[in-house]
Amino acid sequence: MAEHVADRLAVLHGLRLKGFAETDAVAALTGMSSQPCAYQLCAAESEGLVLHREGRMSGWMLTPAGRAEVAKLLAAELDACGRRATVEDAYRRFLAVNGDFLALCTDWQMIDEHTLNDHADPHYDAAVIVRLGLLDDQVQPVCCDLGEARGRFGGYGPRLAEARQKVQDGATDWFTKPMIESYHTIWFELHEDLLATLAIERSREAG
């Protein structure tokens, strides 16, 4: 894939994963510097693929045409690399533990269906954190295989491991807190990346 097409895909796909973000956030996700990222976003804006909203929260977002362009570029990338079967297998393995992770997040937030977890019981929290470690051990090989198939997947394993370590070190916001690189945030992003790469609609995933 030509460099300019690869940069275009990186930026548009990064925005697809973020949903709504400023240039620096998209650049950080893609590993690009701000200037070439801004260039790609402005070029995409001129083509009607993205738009920038101003206000209390400002940022870029994909248009429907932009989402279609991302889907086209992702399909071309996957076909060109010849690793579709590897990504599909990794997705199935990810999905096999996704339900366990969602249940784990619920258990972190709720003692039972009627009782919020106020994190006053260190033994309860410690048991949930142990389970997070075991689940991370299961998903790391999936991330490794994905990274070998497509380089852009390569960051998920280290990012998850870093969030896990922070939680285990006592910085428990890094378990499920939104708007930071929490374990849940990264997991959700990986899930969305797999869905986008394989052109699977989240609403139809169970089928």
N, C-alpha and C. Protein backbone atom coordinates (compact mmCIF):
# COMPACT_ATOMS: atom_id res chain seq x y z
N MET A 1 0.86 -1.18 0.00
CA MET A 1 0.00 0.00 0.00
C MET A 1 0.89 1.24 0.00
N ALA A 2 0.66 2.17 -0.94
CA ALA A 2 1.47 3.37 -1.03
C ALA A 2 1.41 4.14 0.28
N GLU A 3 2.49 4.88 0.56
CA GLU A 3 2.59 5.55 1.86
C GLU A 3 1.44 6.51 2.10
N HIS A 4 1.06 7.29 1.07
CA HIS A 4 0.00 8.27 1.29
C HIS A 4 -1.33 7.58 1.54
N VAL A 5 -1.55 6.43 0.92
CA VAL A 5 -2.79 5.68 1.16
C VAL A 5 -2.76 5.08 2.56
N ALA A 6 -1.59 4.59 2.98
CA ALA A 6 -1.46 4.04 4.32
C ALA A 6 -1.71 5.11 5.38
N ASP A 7 -1.19 6.32 5.15
CA ASP A 7 -1.42 7.42 6.09
C ASP A 7 -2.90 7.81 6.12
N ARG A 8 -3.50 7.82 4.96
CA ARG A 8 -4.93 8.14 4.87
C ARG A 8 -5.75 7.13 5.65
N LEU A 9 -5.44 5.85 5.47
CA LEU A 9 -6.16 4.81 6.20
C LEU A 9 -5.91 4.94 7.69
N ALA A 10 -4.66 5.17 8.08
CA ALA A 10 -4.34 5.27 9.51
C ALA A 10 -5.15 6.37 10.18
N VAL A 11 -5.25 7.52 9.54
CA VAL A 11 -5.96 8.65 10.13
C VAL A 11 -7.47 8.41 10.15
N LEU A 12 -8.02 7.98 9.02
CA LEU A 12 -9.47 7.76 8.97
C LEU A 12 -9.89 6.62 9.89
N HIS A 13 -9.08 5.57 9.91
CA HIS A 13 -9.41 4.44 10.79
C HIS A 13 -9.24 4.84 12.26
N GLY A 14 -8.22 5.63 12.55
CA GLY A 14 -8.05 6.12 13.92
C GLY A 14 -9.25 6.92 14.37
N LEU A 15 -9.77 7.76 13.48
CA LEU A 15 -10.97 8.53 13.80
C LEU A 15 -12.18 7.62 13.92
N ARG A 16 -12.23 6.58 13.12
CA ARG A 16 -13.31 5.59 13.23
C ARG A 16 -13.33 4.96 14.61
N LEU A 17 -12.15 4.68 15.16
CA LEU A 17 -12.07 4.06 16.47
C LEU A 17 -12.39 5.06 17.58
N LYS A 18 -11.93 6.28 17.43
CA LYS A 18 -12.16 7.30 18.45
C LYS A 18 -13.60 7.81 18.42
N GLY A 19 -14.18 7.85 17.23
CA GLY A 19 -15.54 8.35 17.10
C GLY A 19 -15.59 9.86 16.95
N PHE A 20 -14.95 10.55 17.89
CA PHE A 20 -14.95 12.01 17.89
C PHE A 20 -13.69 12.45 18.63
N ALA A 21 -12.80 13.16 17.95
CA ALA A 21 -11.53 13.49 18.59
C ALA A 21 -10.86 14.64 17.87
N GLU A 22 -10.00 15.34 18.61
CA GLU A 22 -9.17 16.37 18.02
C GLU A 22 -7.94 15.74 17.35
N THR A 23 -7.24 16.56 16.61
CA THR A 23 -6.11 16.08 15.80
C THR A 23 -5.07 15.36 16.65
N ASP A 24 -4.71 15.93 17.78
CA ASP A 24 -3.64 15.35 18.60
C ASP A 24 -4.02 13.95 19.09
N ALA A 25 -5.29 13.73 19.41
CA ALA A 25 -5.72 12.42 19.88
C ALA A 25 -5.65 11.39 18.76
N VAL A 26 -6.04 11.80 17.55
CA VAL A 26 -5.95 10.89 16.41
C VAL A 26 -4.49 10.59 16.10
N ALA A 27 -3.65 11.61 16.14
CA ALA A 27 -2.23 11.43 15.88
C ALA A 27 -1.61 10.47 16.89
N ALA A 28 -1.96 10.63 18.16
CA ALA A 28 -1.40 9.76 19.20
C ALA A 28 -1.79 8.30 18.97
N LEU A 29 -3.02 8.08 18.54
CA LEU A 29 -3.48 6.71 18.31
C LEU A 29 -2.77 6.08 17.12
N THR A 30 -2.53 6.87 16.09
CA THR A 30 -1.92 6.34 14.87
C THR A 30 -0.40 6.28 14.94
N GLY A 31 0.19 7.01 15.89
CA GLY A 31 1.64 7.08 15.95
C GLY A 31 2.24 8.11 15.01
N MET A 32 1.39 8.90 14.36
CA MET A 32 1.86 9.96 13.47
C MET A 32 2.11 11.23 14.28
N SER A 33 2.90 12.14 13.73
CA SER A 33 3.02 13.45 14.33
C SER A 33 1.80 14.28 13.95
N SER A 34 1.60 15.39 14.66
CA SER A 34 0.38 16.17 14.47
C SER A 34 0.26 16.77 13.08
N GLN A 35 1.37 17.24 12.51
CA GLN A 35 1.30 17.95 11.23
C GLN A 35 0.82 17.06 10.08
N PRO A 36 1.42 15.88 9.86
CA PRO A 36 0.89 15.04 8.77
C PRO A 36 -0.52 14.53 9.06
N CYS A 37 -0.85 14.33 10.34
CA CYS A 37 -2.21 13.92 10.69
C CYS A 37 -3.20 15.03 10.33
N ALA A 38 -2.85 16.27 10.66
CA ALA A 38 -3.72 17.40 10.34
C ALA A 38 -3.88 17.55 8.83
N TYR A 39 -2.79 17.31 8.09
CA TYR A 39 -2.86 17.38 6.63
C TYR A 39 -3.86 16.37 6.09
N GLN A 40 -3.80 15.13 6.59
CA GLN A 40 -4.72 14.09 6.13
C GLN A 40 -6.16 14.43 6.49
N LEU A 41 -6.37 14.98 7.68
CA LEU A 41 -7.73 15.33 8.10
C LEU A 41 -8.29 16.46 7.24
N CYS A 42 -7.47 17.45 6.96
CA CYS A 42 -7.93 18.56 6.12
C CYS A 42 -8.23 18.09 4.69
N ALA A 43 -7.38 17.20 4.17
CA ALA A 43 -7.63 16.65 2.85
C ALA A 43 -8.93 15.85 2.83
N ALA A 44 -9.14 15.06 3.88
CA ALA A 44 -10.37 14.27 3.97
C ALA A 44 -11.60 15.16 4.11
N GLU A 45 -11.44 16.29 4.81
CA GLU A 45 -12.55 17.23 4.96
C GLU A 45 -12.94 17.81 3.60
N SER A 46 -11.96 18.11 2.77
CA SER A 46 -12.24 18.67 1.45
C SER A 46 -12.98 17.68 0.56
N GLU A 47 -12.86 16.39 0.87
CA GLU A 47 -13.53 15.34 0.10
C GLU A 47 -14.85 14.91 0.73
N GLY A 48 -15.23 15.57 1.82
CA GLY A 48 -16.49 15.23 2.47
C GLY A 48 -16.44 13.96 3.30
N LEU A 49 -15.24 13.52 3.67
CA LEU A 49 -15.09 12.27 4.43
C LEU A 49 -15.11 12.51 5.93
N VAL A 50 -14.75 13.70 6.36
CA VAL A 50 -14.76 14.05 7.78
C VAL A 50 -15.31 15.46 7.91
N LEU A 51 -15.72 15.80 9.11
CA LEU A 51 -16.09 17.18 9.39
C LEU A 51 -15.60 17.53 10.79
N HIS A 52 -15.41 18.81 11.02
CA HIS A 52 -14.93 19.31 12.31
C HIS A 52 -16.03 20.12 12.97
N ARG A 53 -16.37 19.73 14.18
CA ARG A 53 -17.40 20.44 14.93
C ARG A 53 -16.74 21.34 15.97
N GLU A 54 -17.25 22.55 16.09
CA GLU A 54 -16.78 23.49 17.09
C GLU A 54 -17.82 23.59 18.20
N GLY A 55 -17.38 24.01 19.38
CA GLY A 55 -18.30 24.17 20.49
C GLY A 55 -17.63 23.85 21.81
N ARG A 56 -18.43 23.54 22.81
CA ARG A 56 -17.87 23.22 24.12
C ARG A 56 -16.91 22.06 24.01
N MET A 57 -17.26 21.08 23.18
CA MET A 57 -16.34 20.00 22.83
C MET A 57 -16.15 20.02 21.32
N SER A 58 -14.96 20.30 20.88
CA SER A 58 -14.70 20.36 19.45
C SER A 58 -13.90 19.14 19.02
N GLY A 59 -14.02 18.78 17.76
CA GLY A 59 -13.27 17.63 17.27
C GLY A 59 -13.73 17.20 15.89
N TRP A 60 -13.01 16.21 15.37
CA TRP A 60 -13.28 15.63 14.07
C TRP A 60 -14.20 14.42 14.20
N MET A 61 -14.96 14.16 13.17
CA MET A 61 -15.76 12.95 13.11
C MET A 61 -15.92 12.53 11.66
N LEU A 62 -16.11 11.24 11.44
CA LEU A 62 -16.34 10.73 10.09
C LEU A 62 -17.75 11.06 9.63
N THR A 63 -17.89 11.30 8.34
CA THR A 63 -19.20 11.36 7.71
C THR A 63 -19.56 9.95 7.24
N PRO A 64 -20.80 9.71 6.82
CA PRO A 64 -21.13 8.40 6.24
C PRO A 64 -20.22 8.03 5.08
N ALA A 65 -19.86 9.01 4.26
CA ALA A 65 -18.93 8.73 3.16
C ALA A 65 -17.56 8.34 3.70
N GLY A 66 -17.16 8.94 4.81
CA GLY A 66 -15.89 8.60 5.43
C GLY A 66 -15.87 7.19 5.96
N ARG A 67 -16.97 6.77 6.58
CA ARG A 67 -17.05 5.39 7.07
C ARG A 67 -16.98 4.40 5.91
N ALA A 68 -17.62 4.74 4.81
CA ALA A 68 -17.57 3.87 3.63
C ALA A 68 -16.15 3.80 3.08
N GLU A 69 -15.44 4.93 3.10
CA GLU A 69 -14.07 4.95 2.60
C GLU A 69 -13.16 4.10 3.49
N VAL A 70 -13.34 4.20 4.80
CA VAL A 70 -12.55 3.37 5.72
C VAL A 70 -12.80 1.89 5.44
N ALA A 71 -14.05 1.52 5.27
CA ALA A 71 -14.39 0.12 5.00
C ALA A 71 -13.71 -0.37 3.72
N LYS A 72 -13.72 0.47 2.70
CA LYS A 72 -13.09 0.10 1.42
C LYS A 72 -11.58 -0.08 1.60
N LEU A 73 -10.94 0.86 2.30
CA LEU A 73 -9.48 0.79 2.48
C LEU A 73 -9.09 -0.38 3.37
N LEU A 74 -9.87 -0.66 4.40
CA LEU A 74 -9.57 -1.79 5.28
C LEU A 74 -9.67 -3.11 4.52
N ALA A 75 -10.70 -3.24 3.69
CA ALA A 75 -10.88 -4.47 2.92
C ALA A 75 -9.70 -4.66 1.96
N ALA A 76 -9.27 -3.58 1.30
CA ALA A 76 -8.15 -3.66 0.38
C ALA A 76 -6.87 -4.03 1.12
N GLU A 77 -6.68 -3.45 2.29
CA GLU A 77 -5.48 -3.73 3.09
C GLU A 77 -5.45 -5.20 3.50
N LEU A 78 -6.59 -5.71 3.96
CA LEU A 78 -6.63 -7.09 4.43
C LEU A 78 -6.43 -8.08 3.29
N ASP A 79 -7.02 -7.79 2.16
CA ASP A 79 -6.83 -8.68 0.99
C ASP A 79 -5.39 -8.63 0.50
N ALA A 80 -4.78 -7.45 0.55
CA ALA A 80 -3.41 -7.30 0.04
C ALA A 80 -2.40 -8.04 0.91
N CYS A 81 -2.64 -8.08 2.22
CA CYS A 81 -1.65 -8.71 3.10
C CYS A 81 -1.81 -10.23 3.14
N GLY A 82 -2.94 -10.75 2.69
CA GLY A 82 -3.13 -12.19 2.65
C GLY A 82 -3.28 -12.85 4.01
N ARG A 83 -3.66 -12.07 5.02
CA ARG A 83 -3.76 -12.62 6.39
C ARG A 83 -5.18 -12.58 6.93
N ARG A 84 -6.16 -12.58 6.04
CA ARG A 84 -7.55 -12.52 6.50
C ARG A 84 -7.88 -13.68 7.44
N ALA A 85 -7.45 -14.89 7.10
CA ALA A 85 -7.77 -16.05 7.93
C ALA A 85 -7.19 -15.91 9.34
N THR A 86 -5.99 -15.33 9.44
CA THR A 86 -5.37 -15.12 10.74
C THR A 86 -6.18 -14.14 11.58
N VAL A 87 -6.60 -13.04 10.96
CA VAL A 87 -7.39 -12.04 11.67
C VAL A 87 -8.75 -12.61 12.07
N GLU A 88 -9.37 -13.37 11.19
CA GLU A 88 -10.66 -13.98 11.51
C GLU A 88 -10.54 -14.95 12.68
N ASP A 89 -9.47 -15.74 12.69
CA ASP A 89 -9.25 -16.67 13.79
C ASP A 89 -9.02 -15.92 15.10
N ALA A 90 -8.23 -14.86 15.04
CA ALA A 90 -7.98 -14.06 16.25
C ALA A 90 -9.27 -13.42 16.75
N TYR A 91 -10.09 -12.97 15.84
CA TYR A 91 -11.38 -12.39 16.23
C TYR A 91 -12.24 -13.41 16.96
N ARG A 92 -12.29 -14.63 16.44
CA ARG A 92 -13.09 -15.67 17.11
C ARG A 92 -12.55 -15.95 18.51
N ARG A 93 -11.24 -15.97 18.66
CA ARG A 93 -10.64 -16.20 19.97
C ARG A 93 -10.90 -15.03 20.92
N PHE A 94 -10.86 -13.82 20.37
CA PHE A 94 -11.19 -12.64 21.17
C PHE A 94 -12.64 -12.71 21.64
N LEU A 95 -13.53 -13.05 20.72
CA LEU A 95 -14.95 -13.10 21.05
C LEU A 95 -15.23 -14.16 22.12
N ALA A 96 -14.43 -15.22 22.14
CA ALA A 96 -14.64 -16.29 23.11
C ALA A 96 -14.41 -15.82 24.54
N VAL A 97 -13.59 -14.77 24.72
CA VAL A 97 -13.34 -14.26 26.08
C VAL A 97 -14.00 -12.91 26.32
N ASN A 98 -14.62 -12.34 25.28
CA ASN A 98 -15.23 -11.02 25.43
C ASN A 98 -16.35 -11.03 26.48
N GLY A 99 -17.17 -12.06 26.47
CA GLY A 99 -18.23 -12.15 27.46
C GLY A 99 -17.69 -12.22 28.88
N ASP A 100 -16.58 -12.94 29.06
CA ASP A 100 -15.96 -13.02 30.38
C ASP A 100 -15.47 -11.65 30.83
N PHE A 101 -14.93 -10.88 29.88
CA PHE A 101 -14.44 -9.55 30.25
C PHE A 101 -15.60 -8.63 30.63
N LEU A 102 -16.69 -8.68 29.88
CA LEU A 102 -17.84 -7.85 30.21
C LEU A 102 -18.40 -8.21 31.58
N ALA A 103 -18.44 -9.50 31.88
CA ALA A 103 -18.89 -9.93 33.21
C ALA A 103 -17.93 -9.45 34.29
N LEU A 104 -16.65 -9.46 33.98
CA LEU A 104 -15.64 -9.00 34.93
C LEU A 104 -15.83 -7.52 35.23
N CYS A 105 -16.10 -6.72 34.20
CA CYS A 105 -16.34 -5.30 34.42
C CYS A 105 -17.58 -5.06 35.28
N THR A 106 -18.62 -5.87 35.03
CA THR A 106 -19.82 -5.76 35.85
C THR A 106 -19.50 -6.09 37.30
N ASP A 107 -18.72 -7.13 37.52
CA ASP A 107 -18.36 -7.52 38.89
C ASP A 107 -17.50 -6.47 39.56
N TRP A 108 -16.72 -5.74 38.79
CA TRP A 108 -15.92 -4.66 39.35
C TRP A 108 -16.80 -3.50 39.82
N GLN A 109 -17.90 -3.30 39.12
CA GLN A 109 -18.77 -2.16 39.41
C GLN A 109 -19.91 -2.51 40.36
N MET A 110 -20.28 -3.80 40.43
CA MET A 110 -21.42 -4.24 41.25
C MET A 110 -21.03 -5.44 42.11
N ILE A 111 -21.39 -5.41 43.38
CA ILE A 111 -21.20 -6.57 44.25
C ILE A 111 -22.19 -7.67 43.87
N ASP A 112 -23.42 -7.25 43.67
CA ASP A 112 -24.47 -8.12 43.14
C ASP A 112 -25.41 -7.24 42.34
N GLU A 113 -26.51 -7.78 41.84
CA GLU A 113 -27.36 -7.01 40.94
C GLU A 113 -28.03 -5.82 41.61
N HIS A 114 -27.98 -5.75 42.93
CA HIS A 114 -28.62 -4.65 43.63
C HIS A 114 -27.63 -3.74 44.37
N THR A 115 -26.36 -4.11 44.41
CA THR A 115 -25.41 -3.41 45.27
C THR A 115 -24.21 -2.91 44.48
N LEU A 116 -24.04 -1.58 44.44
CA LEU A 116 -22.87 -1.00 43.81
C LEU A 116 -21.61 -1.36 44.60
N ASN A 117 -20.53 -1.56 43.90
CA ASN A 117 -19.25 -1.80 44.56
C ASN A 117 -18.63 -0.46 44.94
N ASP A 118 -18.59 -0.18 46.26
CA ASP A 118 -17.98 1.06 46.71
C ASP A 118 -16.48 0.90 46.97
N HIS A 119 -15.97 -0.28 46.64
CA HIS A 119 -14.53 -0.59 46.75
C HIS A 119 -14.03 -0.47 48.18
N ALA A 120 -14.94 -0.72 49.12
CA ALA A 120 -14.56 -0.71 50.54
C ALA A 120 -14.05 -2.07 51.01
N ASP A 121 -14.28 -3.10 50.20
CA ASP A 121 -13.84 -4.46 50.57
C ASP A 121 -12.61 -4.82 49.73
N PRO A 122 -11.43 -4.71 50.31
CA PRO A 122 -10.21 -4.97 49.52
C PRO A 122 -10.10 -6.41 49.05
N HIS A 123 -10.68 -7.35 49.79
CA HIS A 123 -10.61 -8.75 49.40
C HIS A 123 -11.45 -9.00 48.14
N TYR A 124 -12.63 -8.38 48.08
CA TYR A 124 -13.48 -8.52 46.89
C TYR A 124 -12.75 -7.94 45.67
N ASP A 125 -12.23 -6.72 45.80
CA ASP A 125 -11.55 -6.08 44.68
C ASP A 125 -10.32 -6.88 44.25
N ALA A 126 -9.59 -7.40 45.23
CA ALA A 126 -8.38 -8.17 44.90
C ALA A 126 -8.72 -9.41 44.08
N ALA A 127 -9.84 -10.06 44.41
CA ALA A 127 -10.25 -11.25 43.68
C ALA A 127 -10.61 -10.91 42.23
N VAL A 128 -11.26 -9.76 42.02
CA VAL A 128 -11.61 -9.35 40.67
C VAL A 128 -10.34 -8.99 39.88
N ILE A 129 -9.39 -8.36 40.53
CA ILE A 129 -8.14 -7.99 39.85
C ILE A 129 -7.34 -9.24 39.47
N VAL A 130 -7.38 -10.27 40.30
CA VAL A 130 -6.73 -11.54 39.93
C VAL A 130 -7.35 -12.08 38.65
N ARG A 131 -8.67 -12.01 38.56
CA ARG A 131 -9.36 -12.50 37.36
C ARG A 131 -8.99 -11.67 36.14
N LEU A 132 -8.77 -10.36 36.34
CA LEU A 132 -8.32 -9.51 35.23
C LEU A 132 -6.97 -10.01 34.71
N GLY A 133 -6.08 -10.35 35.62
CA GLY A 133 -4.77 -10.86 35.20
C GLY A 133 -4.88 -12.14 34.41
N LEU A 134 -5.75 -13.05 34.86
CA LEU A 134 -5.92 -14.32 34.15
C LEU A 134 -6.51 -14.10 32.76
N LEU A 135 -7.45 -13.16 32.67
CA LEU A 135 -8.06 -12.88 31.37
C LEU A 135 -7.05 -12.22 30.43
N ASP A 136 -6.23 -11.32 30.98
CA ASP A 136 -5.20 -10.69 30.15
C ASP A 136 -4.23 -11.73 29.62
N ASP A 137 -3.91 -12.73 30.43
CA ASP A 137 -3.04 -13.82 29.96
C ASP A 137 -3.65 -14.54 28.76
N GLN A 138 -4.98 -14.61 28.73
CA GLN A 138 -5.65 -15.28 27.61
C GLN A 138 -5.65 -14.44 26.35
N VAL A 139 -5.81 -13.13 26.50
CA VAL A 139 -5.96 -12.29 25.31
C VAL A 139 -4.62 -11.85 24.73
N GLN A 140 -3.55 -11.89 25.50
CA GLN A 140 -2.26 -11.45 24.97
C GLN A 140 -1.80 -12.25 23.75
N PRO A 141 -1.95 -13.59 23.73
CA PRO A 141 -1.57 -14.31 22.50
C PRO A 141 -2.41 -13.91 21.29
N VAL A 142 -3.67 -13.55 21.52
CA VAL A 142 -4.51 -13.07 20.43
C VAL A 142 -3.94 -11.77 19.87
N CYS A 143 -3.57 -10.87 20.78
CA CYS A 143 -2.99 -9.59 20.35
C CYS A 143 -1.67 -9.81 19.61
N CYS A 144 -0.89 -10.76 20.08
CA CYS A 144 0.40 -11.06 19.43
C CYS A 144 0.18 -11.54 18.00
N ASP A 145 -0.76 -12.44 17.80
CA ASP A 145 -1.04 -12.95 16.46
C ASP A 145 -1.58 -11.84 15.55
N LEU A 146 -2.42 -10.98 16.11
CA LEU A 146 -2.93 -9.87 15.32
C LEU A 146 -1.82 -8.92 14.91
N GLY A 147 -0.90 -8.64 15.83
CA GLY A 147 0.20 -7.75 15.53
C GLY A 147 1.11 -8.30 14.45
N GLU A 148 1.28 -9.63 14.42
CA GLU A 148 2.09 -10.24 13.38
C GLU A 148 1.38 -10.21 12.03
N ALA A 149 0.06 -10.26 12.07
CA ALA A 149 -0.71 -10.22 10.83
C ALA A 149 -0.75 -8.82 10.23
N ARG A 150 -1.00 -7.81 11.08
CA ARG A 150 -1.05 -6.42 10.64
C ARG A 150 -0.41 -5.56 11.72
N GLY A 151 0.59 -4.79 11.33
CA GLY A 151 1.36 -4.02 12.29
C GLY A 151 0.53 -3.08 13.13
N ARG A 152 -0.55 -2.54 12.56
CA ARG A 152 -1.33 -1.57 13.33
C ARG A 152 -2.03 -2.17 14.54
N PHE A 153 -2.14 -3.51 14.59
CA PHE A 153 -2.69 -4.16 15.78
C PHE A 153 -1.63 -4.34 16.88
N GLY A 154 -0.39 -4.05 16.55
CA GLY A 154 0.71 -4.40 17.44
C GLY A 154 0.70 -3.70 18.78
N GLY A 155 0.05 -2.55 18.88
CA GLY A 155 0.07 -1.81 20.14
C GLY A 155 -0.90 -2.29 21.19
N TYR A 156 -1.88 -3.09 20.80
CA TYR A 156 -2.93 -3.44 21.76
C TYR A 156 -2.40 -4.27 22.94
N GLY A 157 -1.58 -5.26 22.65
CA GLY A 157 -1.06 -6.10 23.73
C GLY A 157 -0.30 -5.30 24.77
N PRO A 158 0.70 -4.49 24.38
CA PRO A 158 1.42 -3.68 25.37
C PRO A 158 0.53 -2.67 26.09
N ARG A 159 -0.44 -2.09 25.39
CA ARG A 159 -1.32 -1.12 26.04
C ARG A 159 -2.20 -1.80 27.09
N LEU A 160 -2.72 -2.97 26.76
CA LEU A 160 -3.51 -3.71 27.75
C LEU A 160 -2.65 -4.12 28.94
N ALA A 161 -1.44 -4.58 28.65
CA ALA A 161 -0.54 -4.99 29.73
C ALA A 161 -0.20 -3.83 30.65
N GLU A 162 -0.01 -2.65 30.07
CA GLU A 162 0.29 -1.48 30.89
C GLU A 162 -0.88 -1.11 31.79
N ALA A 163 -2.10 -1.14 31.22
CA ALA A 163 -3.28 -0.84 32.03
C ALA A 163 -3.46 -1.88 33.13
N ARG A 164 -3.25 -3.15 32.81
CA ARG A 164 -3.34 -4.21 33.81
C ARG A 164 -2.36 -3.96 34.96
N GLN A 165 -1.13 -3.59 34.61
CA GLN A 165 -0.12 -3.38 35.64
C GLN A 165 -0.51 -2.21 36.55
N LYS A 166 -1.05 -1.16 35.97
CA LYS A 166 -1.48 -0.02 36.78
C LYS A 166 -2.57 -0.43 37.77
N VAL A 167 -3.52 -1.23 37.29
CA VAL A 167 -4.58 -1.70 38.18
C VAL A 167 -3.98 -2.56 39.30
N GLN A 168 -3.10 -3.45 38.95
CA GLN A 168 -2.48 -4.33 39.94
C GLN A 168 -1.61 -3.55 40.92
N ASP A 169 -1.10 -2.38 40.49
CA ASP A 169 -0.29 -1.54 41.37
C ASP A 169 -1.13 -0.62 42.24
N GLY A 170 -2.46 -0.70 42.08
CA GLY A 170 -3.35 0.08 42.93
C GLY A 170 -4.03 1.26 42.27
N ALA A 171 -3.68 1.57 41.02
CA ALA A 171 -4.32 2.68 40.30
C ALA A 171 -5.57 2.15 39.61
N THR A 172 -6.60 1.91 40.38
CA THR A 172 -7.75 1.14 39.89
C THR A 172 -8.63 1.91 38.91
N ASP A 173 -8.42 3.22 38.75
CA ASP A 173 -9.15 3.93 37.70
C ASP A 173 -8.86 3.33 36.33
N TRP A 174 -7.70 2.68 36.22
CA TRP A 174 -7.28 2.15 34.92
C TRP A 174 -7.94 0.82 34.59
N PHE A 175 -8.92 0.43 35.40
CA PHE A 175 -9.71 -0.78 35.10
C PHE A 175 -10.82 -0.43 34.11
N THR A 176 -11.73 0.43 34.48
CA THR A 176 -12.90 0.69 33.63
C THR A 176 -13.20 2.16 33.37
N LYS A 177 -12.41 3.07 33.89
CA LYS A 177 -12.76 4.49 33.76
C LYS A 177 -12.73 4.92 32.30
N PRO A 178 -13.77 5.60 31.83
CA PRO A 178 -13.76 6.11 30.45
C PRO A 178 -12.87 7.33 30.31
N MET A 179 -12.56 7.67 29.07
CA MET A 179 -11.81 8.88 28.72
C MET A 179 -10.34 8.84 29.10
N ILE A 180 -9.87 7.68 29.62
CA ILE A 180 -8.45 7.47 29.82
C ILE A 180 -8.11 6.12 29.18
N GLU A 181 -6.82 5.78 29.13
CA GLU A 181 -6.40 4.52 28.53
C GLU A 181 -6.60 3.37 29.51
N SER A 182 -7.82 3.24 30.02
CA SER A 182 -8.12 2.15 30.94
C SER A 182 -8.18 0.82 30.18
N TYR A 183 -8.14 -0.26 30.92
CA TYR A 183 -8.20 -1.58 30.28
C TYR A 183 -9.48 -1.68 29.45
N HIS A 184 -10.59 -1.23 30.01
CA HIS A 184 -11.86 -1.30 29.30
C HIS A 184 -11.83 -0.46 28.03
N THR A 185 -11.26 0.75 28.09
CA THR A 185 -11.18 1.61 26.91
C THR A 185 -10.41 0.93 25.78
N ILE A 186 -9.27 0.35 26.13
CA ILE A 186 -8.43 -0.30 25.11
C ILE A 186 -9.12 -1.55 24.57
N TRP A 187 -9.74 -2.32 25.45
CA TRP A 187 -10.45 -3.52 25.03
C TRP A 187 -11.56 -3.17 24.04
N PHE A 188 -12.32 -2.16 24.37
CA PHE A 188 -13.42 -1.72 23.49
C PHE A 188 -12.86 -1.29 22.13
N GLU A 189 -11.73 -0.58 22.17
CA GLU A 189 -11.11 -0.12 20.92
C GLU A 189 -10.65 -1.30 20.07
N LEU A 190 -10.03 -2.30 20.70
CA LEU A 190 -9.60 -3.49 19.98
C LEU A 190 -10.80 -4.20 19.35
N HIS A 191 -11.87 -4.33 20.12
CA HIS A 191 -13.08 -4.97 19.61
C HIS A 191 -13.59 -4.21 18.38
N GLU A 192 -13.65 -2.88 18.50
CA GLU A 192 -14.13 -2.07 17.38
C GLU A 192 -13.21 -2.19 16.17
N ASP A 193 -11.91 -2.28 16.42
CA ASP A 193 -10.94 -2.43 15.33
C ASP A 193 -11.17 -3.74 14.58
N LEU A 194 -11.41 -4.81 15.32
CA LEU A 194 -11.67 -6.10 14.68
C LEU A 194 -12.96 -6.07 13.87
N LEU A 195 -14.00 -5.47 14.44
CA LEU A 195 -15.27 -5.38 13.72
C LEU A 195 -15.10 -4.58 12.42
N ALA A 196 -14.39 -3.45 12.52
CA ALA A 196 -14.20 -2.61 11.33
C ALA A 196 -13.37 -3.34 10.29
N THR A 197 -12.30 -4.00 10.73
CA THR A 197 -11.41 -4.69 9.80
C THR A 197 -12.12 -5.79 9.04
N LEU A 198 -13.01 -6.51 9.74
CA LEU A 198 -13.70 -7.64 9.13
C LEU A 198 -15.09 -7.27 8.62
N ALA A 199 -15.42 -5.96 8.66
CA ALA A 199 -16.71 -5.48 8.14
C ALA A 199 -17.88 -6.18 8.80
N ILE A 200 -17.84 -6.27 10.14
CA ILE A 200 -18.91 -6.87 10.92
C ILE A 200 -19.63 -5.78 11.67
N GLU A 201 -20.93 -5.71 11.53
CA GLU A 201 -21.72 -4.74 12.28
C GLU A 201 -21.89 -5.24 13.72
N ARG A 202 -21.60 -4.36 14.68
CA ARG A 202 -21.70 -4.76 16.09
C ARG A 202 -23.09 -5.29 16.42
N SER A 203 -24.13 -4.67 15.85
CA SER A 203 -25.50 -5.07 16.15
C SER A 203 -25.83 -6.46 15.64
N ARG A 204 -25.03 -6.97 14.67
CA ARG A 204 -25.28 -8.29 14.09
C ARG A 204 -24.22 -9.31 14.51
N GLU A 205 -23.39 -8.90 15.47
CA GLU A 205 -22.24 -9.74 15.81
C GLU A 205 -22.65 -11.12 16.30
N ALA A 206 -23.67 -11.18 17.13
CA ALA A 206 -24.05 -12.48 17.70
C ALA A 206 -24.46 -13.47 16.62
N GLY A 207 -24.94 -12.96 15.50
CA GLY A 207 -25.34 -13.84 14.41
C GLY A 207 -24.16 -14.32 13.59
